[in-house]
C-alpha atoms as a PDB file:
ATOM      1  CA  MET A   1       2.130  39.398 -25.742  1.00  0.00           C
ATOM      2  CA  ASP A   2      -0.601  36.761 -25.459  1.00  0.00           C
ATOM      3  CA  THR A   3      -0.812  35.494 -29.059  1.00  0.00           C
ATOM      4  CA  ALA A   4      -3.858  33.327 -28.326  1.00  0.00           C
ATOM      5  CA  LEU A   5      -5.740  36.308 -26.901  1.00  0.00           C
ATOM      6  CA  THR A   6      -4.721  38.452 -29.882  1.00  0.00           C
ATOM      7  CA  ASP A   7      -6.005  35.866 -32.356  1.00  0.00           C
ATOM      8  CA  ARG A   8      -9.283  35.399 -30.494  1.00  0.00           C
ATOM      9  CA  THR A   9      -9.749  39.169 -30.307  1.00  0.00           C
ATOM     10  CA  LEU A  10      -9.229  39.531 -34.059  1.00  0.00           C
ATOM     11  CA  ALA A  11     -11.769  36.777 -34.766  1.00  0.00           C
ATOM     12  CA  LEU A  12     -14.309  38.266 -32.351  1.00  0.00           C
ATOM     13  CA  ALA A  13     -13.753  41.661 -33.963  1.00  0.00           C
ATOM     14  CA  GLY A  14     -14.733  39.962 -37.226  1.00  0.00           C
ATOM     15  CA  VAL A  15     -18.057  38.969 -35.660  1.00  0.00           C
ATOM     16  CA  PHE A  16     -18.729  42.466 -34.296  1.00  0.00           C
ATOM     17  CA  GLN A  17     -17.715  44.053 -37.591  1.00  0.00           C
ATOM     18  CA  ALA A  18     -20.156  41.860 -39.491  1.00  0.00           C
ATOM     19  CA  ALA A  19     -22.930  42.733 -37.019  1.00  0.00           C
ATOM     20  CA  GLN A  20     -22.475  46.456 -37.569  1.00  0.00           C
ATOM     21  CA  LEU A  21     -22.258  46.000 -41.335  1.00  0.00           C
ATOM     22  CA  VAL A  22     -25.608  44.197 -41.251  1.00  0.00           C
ATOM     23  CA  GLN A  23     -27.095  47.035 -39.206  1.00  0.00           C
ATOM     24  CA  GLN A  24     -25.724  49.683 -41.580  1.00  0.00           C
ATOM     25  CA  LEU A  25     -27.045  47.899 -44.641  1.00  0.00           C
ATOM     26  CA  ALA A  26     -30.488  47.297 -43.156  1.00  0.00           C
ATOM     27  CA  ARG A  27     -30.887  50.772 -41.661  1.00  0.00           C
ATOM     28  CA  GLU A  28     -28.993  52.968 -44.130  1.00  0.00           C
ATOM     29  CA  GLY A  29     -28.688  50.914 -47.300  1.00  0.00           C
ATOM     30  CA  ARG A  30     -24.906  51.247 -47.183  1.00  0.00           C
ATOM     31  CA  ALA A  31     -21.903  49.788 -45.377  1.00  0.00           C
ATOM     32  CA  GLU A  32     -18.321  50.768 -44.636  1.00  0.00           C
ATOM     33  CA  THR A  33     -16.751  49.827 -47.976  1.00  0.00           C
ATOM     34  CA  ARG A  34     -13.343  48.524 -46.902  1.00  0.00           C
ATOM     35  CA  ALA A  35     -14.688  46.744 -43.841  1.00  0.00           C
ATOM     36  CA  PHE A  36     -17.371  45.062 -45.936  1.00  0.00           C
ATOM     37  CA  ALA A  37     -14.818  43.974 -48.552  1.00  0.00           C
ATOM     38  CA  ALA A  38     -12.479  42.547 -45.898  1.00  0.00           C
ATOM     39  CA  SER A  39     -15.327  40.644 -44.235  1.00  0.00           C
ATOM     40  CA  VAL A  40     -16.569  39.235 -47.546  1.00  0.00           C
ATOM     41  CA  HIS A  41     -13.075  38.220 -48.675  1.00  0.00           C
ATOM     42  CA  SER A  42     -12.467  36.501 -45.319  1.00  0.00           C
ATOM     43  CA  LEU A  43     -14.960  33.855 -46.446  1.00  0.00           C
ATOM     44  CA  LEU A  44     -12.562  32.821 -49.212  1.00  0.00           C
ATOM     45  CA  MET A  45      -9.568  32.478 -46.870  1.00  0.00           C
ATOM     46  CA  ILE A  46     -10.053  28.810 -46.072  1.00  0.00           C
ATOM     47  CA  ASP A  47      -6.350  27.958 -45.720  1.00  0.00           C
ATOM     48  CA  ALA A  48      -4.990  31.248 -44.371  1.00  0.00           C
ATOM     49  CA  SER A  49      -1.576  31.115 -42.720  1.00  0.00           C
ATOM     50  CA  SER A  50      -2.672  33.185 -39.696  1.00  0.00           C
ATOM     51  CA  THR A  51      -5.692  34.864 -38.140  1.00  0.00           C
ATOM     52  CA  GLU A  52      -4.511  38.228 -39.453  1.00  0.00           C
ATOM     53  CA  ALA A  53      -4.285  36.770 -42.952  1.00  0.00           C
ATOM     54  CA  VAL A  54      -7.953  35.763 -42.841  1.00  0.00           C
ATOM     55  CA  TYR A  55      -8.846  39.458 -42.882  1.00  0.00           C
ATOM     56  CA  GLY A  56      -6.030  40.627 -45.153  1.00  0.00           C
ATOM     57  CA  GLY A  57      -4.185  42.022 -42.128  1.00  0.00           C
ATOM     58  CA  VAL A  58      -5.283  43.825 -38.979  1.00  0.00           C
ATOM     59  CA  GLN A  59      -6.603  46.709 -41.093  1.00  0.00           C
ATOM     60  CA  GLY A  60      -9.290  44.355 -42.388  1.00  0.00           C
ATOM     61  CA  VAL A  61     -10.981  44.285 -38.980  1.00  0.00           C
ATOM     62  CA  ARG A  62     -10.021  47.752 -37.777  1.00  0.00           C
ATOM     63  CA  PHE A  63     -13.698  48.729 -37.908  1.00  0.00           C
ATOM     64  CA  GLY A  64     -14.621  45.723 -35.763  1.00  0.00           C
ATOM     65  CA  LEU A  65     -11.736  46.211 -33.324  1.00  0.00           C
ATOM     66  CA  GLY A  66     -12.879  49.750 -32.569  1.00  0.00           C
ATOM     67  CA  LEU A  67     -16.419  48.543 -31.998  1.00  0.00           C
ATOM     68  CA  LEU A  68     -15.222  45.659 -29.807  1.00  0.00           C
ATOM     69  CA  ARG A  69     -13.018  47.959 -27.732  1.00  0.00           C
ATOM     70  CA  ASP A  70     -15.768  50.512 -27.157  1.00  0.00           C
ATOM     71  CA  LYS A  71     -18.708  48.192 -26.517  1.00  0.00           C
ATOM     72  CA  LEU A  72     -16.983  45.715 -24.216  1.00  0.00           C
ATOM     73  CA  ALA A  73     -15.550  48.658 -22.267  1.00  0.00           C
ATOM     74  CA  GLY A  74     -19.076  49.903 -21.607  1.00  0.00           C
ATOM     75  CA  GLU A  75     -19.602  52.641 -24.189  1.00  0.00           C
ATOM     76  CA  THR A  76     -23.238  52.691 -25.285  1.00  0.00           C
ATOM     77  CA  ASP A  77     -25.286  53.875 -28.268  1.00  0.00           C
ATOM     78  CA  PRO A  78     -28.986  53.511 -29.176  1.00  0.00           C
ATOM     79  CA  GLY A  79     -28.244  50.774 -31.732  1.00  0.00           C
ATOM     80  CA  ASP A  80     -26.188  48.600 -29.370  1.00  0.00           C
ATOM     81  CA  VAL A  81     -29.026  46.212 -28.486  1.00  0.00           C
ATOM     82  CA  GLU A  82     -29.512  45.414 -32.160  1.00  0.00           C
ATOM     83  CA  ILE A  83     -25.788  44.824 -32.731  1.00  0.00           C
ATOM     84  CA  ALA A  84     -25.646  42.597 -29.641  1.00  0.00           C
ATOM     85  CA  LYS A  85     -28.614  40.629 -30.994  1.00  0.00           C
ATOM     86  CA  TYR A  86     -26.795  39.995 -34.272  1.00  0.00           C
ATOM     87  CA  VAL A  87     -23.572  38.987 -32.500  1.00  0.00           C
ATOM     88  CA  ILE A  88     -25.398  36.517 -30.253  1.00  0.00           C
ATOM     89  CA  SER A  89     -27.427  35.160 -33.179  1.00  0.00           C
ATOM     90  CA  MET A  90     -24.326  34.587 -35.316  1.00  0.00           C
ATOM     91  CA  ILE A  91     -22.511  32.841 -32.476  1.00  0.00           C
ATOM     92  CA  HIS A  92     -25.598  30.699 -31.850  1.00  0.00           C
ATOM     93  CA  LEU A  93     -25.938  29.771 -35.525  1.00  0.00           C
ATOM     94  CA  GLU A  94     -22.246  28.857 -35.647  1.00  0.00           C
ATOM     95  CA  ASN A  95     -22.911  26.516 -32.726  1.00  0.00           C
ATOM     96  CA  ARG A  96     -25.733  24.927 -34.721  1.00  0.00           C
ATOM     97  CA  LEU A  97     -23.472  24.612 -37.764  1.00  0.00           C
ATOM     98  CA  ARG A  98     -20.902  22.625 -35.790  1.00  0.00           C
ATOM     99  CA  ARG A  99     -23.564  19.934 -35.287  1.00  0.00           C
ATOM    100  CA  HIS A 100     -23.980  19.564 -39.061  1.00  0.00           C
ATOM    101  CA  PRO A 101     -20.711  18.287 -40.574  1.00  0.00           C
ATOM    102  CA  GLU A 102     -22.471  17.639 -43.886  1.00  0.00           C
ATOM    103  CA  MET A 103     -23.389  21.335 -44.107  1.00  0.00           C
ATOM    104  CA  GLN A 104     -19.836  22.340 -43.218  1.00  0.00           C
ATOM    105  CA  GLU A 105     -18.640  20.188 -46.110  1.00  0.00           C
ATOM    106  CA  ALA A 106     -21.236  21.706 -48.458  1.00  0.00           C
ATOM    107  CA  ILE A 107     -20.050  25.195 -47.486  1.00  0.00           C
ATOM    108  CA  HIS A 108     -16.418  24.206 -48.013  1.00  0.00           C
ATOM    109  CA  ARG A 109     -17.237  22.832 -51.477  1.00  0.00           C
ATOM    110  CA  GLY A 110     -19.340  25.876 -52.295  1.00  0.00           C
ATOM    111  CA  ILE A 111     -16.536  28.266 -51.332  1.00  0.00           C
ATOM    112  CA  GLY A 112     -14.115  26.297 -53.512  1.00  0.00           C
ATOM    113  CA  THR A 113     -16.483  26.548 -56.449  1.00  0.00           C
ATOM    114  CA  ILE A 114     -16.926  30.284 -55.924  1.00  0.00           C
ATOM    115  CA  GLN A 115     -13.161  30.780 -55.775  1.00  0.00           C
ATOM    116  CA  SER A 116     -12.807  29.046 -59.144  1.00  0.00           C
ATOM    117  CA  GLN A 117     -15.659  31.010 -60.702  1.00  0.00           C
ATOM    118  CA  MET A 118     -14.290  34.349 -59.481  1.00  0.00           C
ATOM    119  CA  LYS A 119     -10.801  33.909 -60.963  1.00  0.00           C
ATOM    120  CA  PHE A 120     -12.044  35.602 -64.110  1.00  0.00           C
ATOM    121  CA  PHE A 121     -12.664  38.804 -62.125  1.00  0.00           C
ATOM    122  CA  GLU A 122      -9.392  38.834 -60.160  1.00  0.00           C
ATOM    123  CA  ALA A 123      -7.561  41.093 -62.600  1.00  0.00           C
ATOM    124  CA  THR A 124     -10.165  43.852 -62.333  1.00  0.00           C
ATOM    125  CA  GLU A 125     -11.155  43.489 -58.690  1.00  0.00           C
ATOM    126  CA  ASN A 126     -10.034  46.131 -56.201  1.00  0.00           C
ATOM    127  CA  GLY A 127      -9.083  44.678 -52.815  1.00  0.00           C
ATOM    128  CA  ASP A 128     -10.880  47.556 -51.101  1.00  0.00           C
ATOM    129  CA  THR A 129     -14.217  46.556 -52.618  1.00  0.00           C
ATOM    130  CA  ALA A 130     -16.231  43.358 -52.967  1.00  0.00           C
ATOM    131  CA  HIS A 131     -17.254  42.381 -56.490  1.00  0.00           C
ATOM    132  CA  PRO A 132     -21.076  42.293 -56.856  1.00  0.00           C
ATOM    133  CA  ARG A 133     -20.902  38.801 -58.397  1.00  0.00           C
ATOM    134  CA  LEU A 134     -18.895  37.532 -55.425  1.00  0.00           C
ATOM    135  CA  VAL A 135     -21.433  39.000 -53.008  1.00  0.00           C
ATOM    136  CA  GLU A 136     -24.276  37.428 -54.993  1.00  0.00           C
ATOM    137  CA  LYS A 137     -22.673  33.983 -55.049  1.00  0.00           C
ATOM    138  CA  LEU A 138     -21.861  34.052 -51.328  1.00  0.00           C
ATOM    139  CA  ALA A 139     -25.398  35.199 -50.539  1.00  0.00           C
ATOM    140  CA  ASP A 140     -26.787  32.301 -52.575  1.00  0.00           C
ATOM    141  CA  LEU A 141     -24.557  29.826 -50.727  1.00  0.00           C
ATOM    142  CA  TYR A 142     -25.721  31.286 -47.403  1.00  0.00           C
ATOM    143  CA  THR A 143     -29.355  30.864 -48.474  1.00  0.00           C
ATOM    144  CA  GLN A 144     -28.779  27.242 -49.495  1.00  0.00           C
ATOM    145  CA  THR A 145     -26.982  26.314 -46.265  1.00  0.00           C
ATOM    146  CA  LEU A 146     -26.934  28.438 -43.116  1.00  0.00           C
ATOM    147  CA  SER A 147     -30.288  30.059 -43.810  1.00  0.00           C
ATOM    148  CA  THR A 148     -31.940  26.643 -43.480  1.00  0.00           C
ATOM    149  CA  LEU A 149     -30.861  26.289 -39.831  1.00  0.00           C
ATOM    150  CA  THR A 150     -33.183  27.407 -37.062  1.00  0.00           C
ATOM    151  CA  PRO A 151     -33.712  29.790 -35.510  1.00  0.00           C
ATOM    152  CA  ARG A 152     -32.987  32.000 -38.507  1.00  0.00           C
ATOM    153  CA  ILE A 153     -31.360  35.375 -37.932  1.00  0.00           C
ATOM    154  CA  MET A 154     -34.016  38.064 -38.171  1.00  0.00           C
ATOM    155  CA  VAL A 155     -32.708  41.363 -39.529  1.00  0.00           C
ATOM    156  CA  SER A 156     -34.483  44.607 -38.636  1.00  0.00           C
ATOM    157  CA  GLY A 157     -34.331  47.675 -40.848  1.00  0.00           C
ATOM    158  CA  GLU A 158     -35.979  49.783 -43.502  1.00  0.00           C
ATOM    159  CA  HIS A 159     -38.236  47.705 -45.746  1.00  0.00           C
ATOM    160  CA  GLY A 160     -37.129  49.621 -48.826  1.00  0.00           C
ATOM    161  CA  TYR A 161     -33.518  48.577 -48.255  1.00  0.00           C
ATOM    162  CA  LEU A 162     -34.228  44.995 -47.221  1.00  0.00           C
ATOM    163  CA  ALA A 163     -36.461  44.538 -50.281  1.00  0.00           C
ATOM    164  CA  ASP A 164     -33.629  45.618 -52.587  1.00  0.00           C
ATOM    165  CA  PRO A 165     -32.037  42.396 -53.979  1.00  0.00           C
ATOM    166  CA  GLN A 166     -28.512  43.852 -53.987  1.00  0.00           C
ATOM    167  CA  ILE A 167     -28.707  45.095 -50.401  1.00  0.00           C
ATOM    168  CA  ALA A 168     -30.349  41.847 -49.260  1.00  0.00           C
ATOM    169  CA  ALA A 169     -27.461  39.924 -50.847  1.00  0.00           C
ATOM    170  CA  LYS A 170     -24.950  42.115 -49.002  1.00  0.00           C
ATOM    171  CA  VAL A 171     -26.778  41.479 -45.718  1.00  0.00           C
ATOM    172  CA  ARG A 172     -26.584  37.711 -46.262  1.00  0.00           C
ATOM    173  CA  ALA A 173     -22.901  37.922 -47.213  1.00  0.00           C
ATOM    174  CA  ALA A 174     -22.160  39.962 -44.073  1.00  0.00           C
ATOM    175  CA  LEU A 175     -24.029  37.450 -41.882  1.00  0.00           C
ATOM    176  CA  PHE A 176     -22.087  34.641 -43.574  1.00  0.00           C
ATOM    177  CA  ALA A 177     -18.808  36.442 -42.813  1.00  0.00           C
ATOM    178  CA  GLY A 178     -19.825  36.961 -39.190  1.00  0.00           C
ATOM    179  CA  ILE A 179     -20.602  33.275 -38.732  1.00  0.00           C
ATOM    180  CA  ARG A 180     -17.282  32.401 -40.372  1.00  0.00           C
ATOM    181  CA  SER A 181     -15.534  34.650 -37.816  1.00  0.00           C
ATOM    182  CA  ALA A 182     -17.535  33.038 -34.996  1.00  0.00           C
ATOM    183  CA  PHE A 183     -16.393  29.626 -36.259  1.00  0.00           C
ATOM    184  CA  LEU A 184     -12.779  30.843 -36.243  1.00  0.00           C
ATOM    185  CA  TRP A 185     -13.234  32.276 -32.751  1.00  0.00           C
ATOM    186  CA  ARG A 186     -14.383  28.876 -31.499  1.00  0.00           C
ATOM    187  CA  GLN A 187     -11.470  27.146 -33.239  1.00  0.00           C
ATOM    188  CA  LEU A 188      -9.088  29.494 -31.423  1.00  0.00           C
ATOM    189  CA  GLY A 189     -10.587  28.640 -28.037  1.00  0.00           C
ATOM    190  CA  GLY A 190     -13.193  31.376 -27.743  1.00  0.00           C
ATOM    191  CA  GLY A 191     -16.440  30.797 -25.886  1.00  0.00           C
ATOM    192  CA  ARG A 192     -19.512  32.626 -24.646  1.00  0.00           C
ATOM    193  CA  TRP A 193     -18.224  32.783 -21.095  1.00  0.00           C
ATOM    194  CA  GLN A 194     -15.342  34.974 -22.258  1.00  0.00           C
ATOM    195  CA  LEU A 195     -17.836  37.635 -23.342  1.00  0.00           C
ATOM    196  CA  LEU A 196     -19.188  37.616 -19.798  1.00  0.00           C
ATOM    197  CA  PHE A 197     -16.038  37.340 -17.684  1.00  0.00           C
ATOM    198  CA  LEU A 198     -13.218  38.639 -19.898  1.00  0.00           C
ATOM    199  CA  ARG A 199     -14.942  41.651 -21.416  1.00  0.00           C
ATOM    200  CA  ARG A 200     -12.404  44.179 -20.127  1.00  0.00           C
ATOM    201  CA  LYS A 201      -9.427  42.027 -21.090  1.00  0.00           C
ATOM    202  CA  ILE A 202     -10.722  41.608 -24.654  1.00  0.00           C
ATOM    203  CA  ALA A 203     -11.553  45.321 -24.901  1.00  0.00           C
ATOM    204  CA  ASP A 204      -8.041  46.222 -23.736  1.00  0.00           C
ATOM    205  CA  GLU A 205      -6.494  43.824 -26.251  1.00  0.00           C
ATOM    206  CA  ALA A 206      -8.568  45.312 -29.071  1.00  0.00           C
ATOM    207  CA  GLY A 207      -7.318  48.757 -28.058  1.00  0.00           C
ATOM    208  CA  ARG A 208      -3.714  47.522 -27.846  1.00  0.00           C
ATOM    209  CA  ILE A 209      -3.932  46.042 -31.359  1.00  0.00           C
ATOM    210  CA  LEU A 210      -5.350  49.296 -32.723  1.00  0.00           C
ATOM    211  CA  VAL A 211      -2.675  51.432 -31.065  1.00  0.00           C
ATOM    212  CA  GLY A 212       0.099  49.068 -32.124  1.00  0.00           C
ATOM    213  CA  ARG A 213      -1.128  49.198 -35.677  1.00  0.00           C
ATOM    214  CA  SER A 214      -1.297  52.976 -35.773  1.00  0.00           C
ATOM    215  CA  GLU A 215       2.283  53.208 -34.513  1.00  0.00           C
ATOM    216  CA  ASN A 216       3.633  50.941 -37.269  1.00  0.00           C
END
């Protein structure tokens, strides 16, 4: 088993998962609950022991792995162009972030502060959901940092949903999580060229991880 490929596939699945969560929230005003919670909580996993641990295990990106497997293998849907736009935008913004070490440090400090503030809610929080206060705080940190970089990620959807403060906060938190996964993907040796030339290999690995998980 190629451990490096597995880790990169998990991280890239995190990006794809975040992209679809953003689309769901903007178009339907809802998102896959467990996938959203895993993506949001991944932002707090600064010192995780493994790539799997970032997402609370493979199950945390199961939604993204299925999407990655299907889309890179050539399966198409009407909303694919929009998802691809979000994936590319998040990867691009992560590239911009790497040129701003002071912003990286501000994000690191902000995450630490949020972790401390959220300890009060740990006893009542369900791991399958994301606490509204956590989402709000992460969305605020995104607005103060990544949202100031250009070009900003433009989200398309229903105005009624995007104008709702709670849904808008979830969209920002999902974008934040996607950029965090893109950052991890880069750290693990991922790059844009892999999306062009190793599409089938990544799709096959995503499928292998999913099958291996279902057999355990």
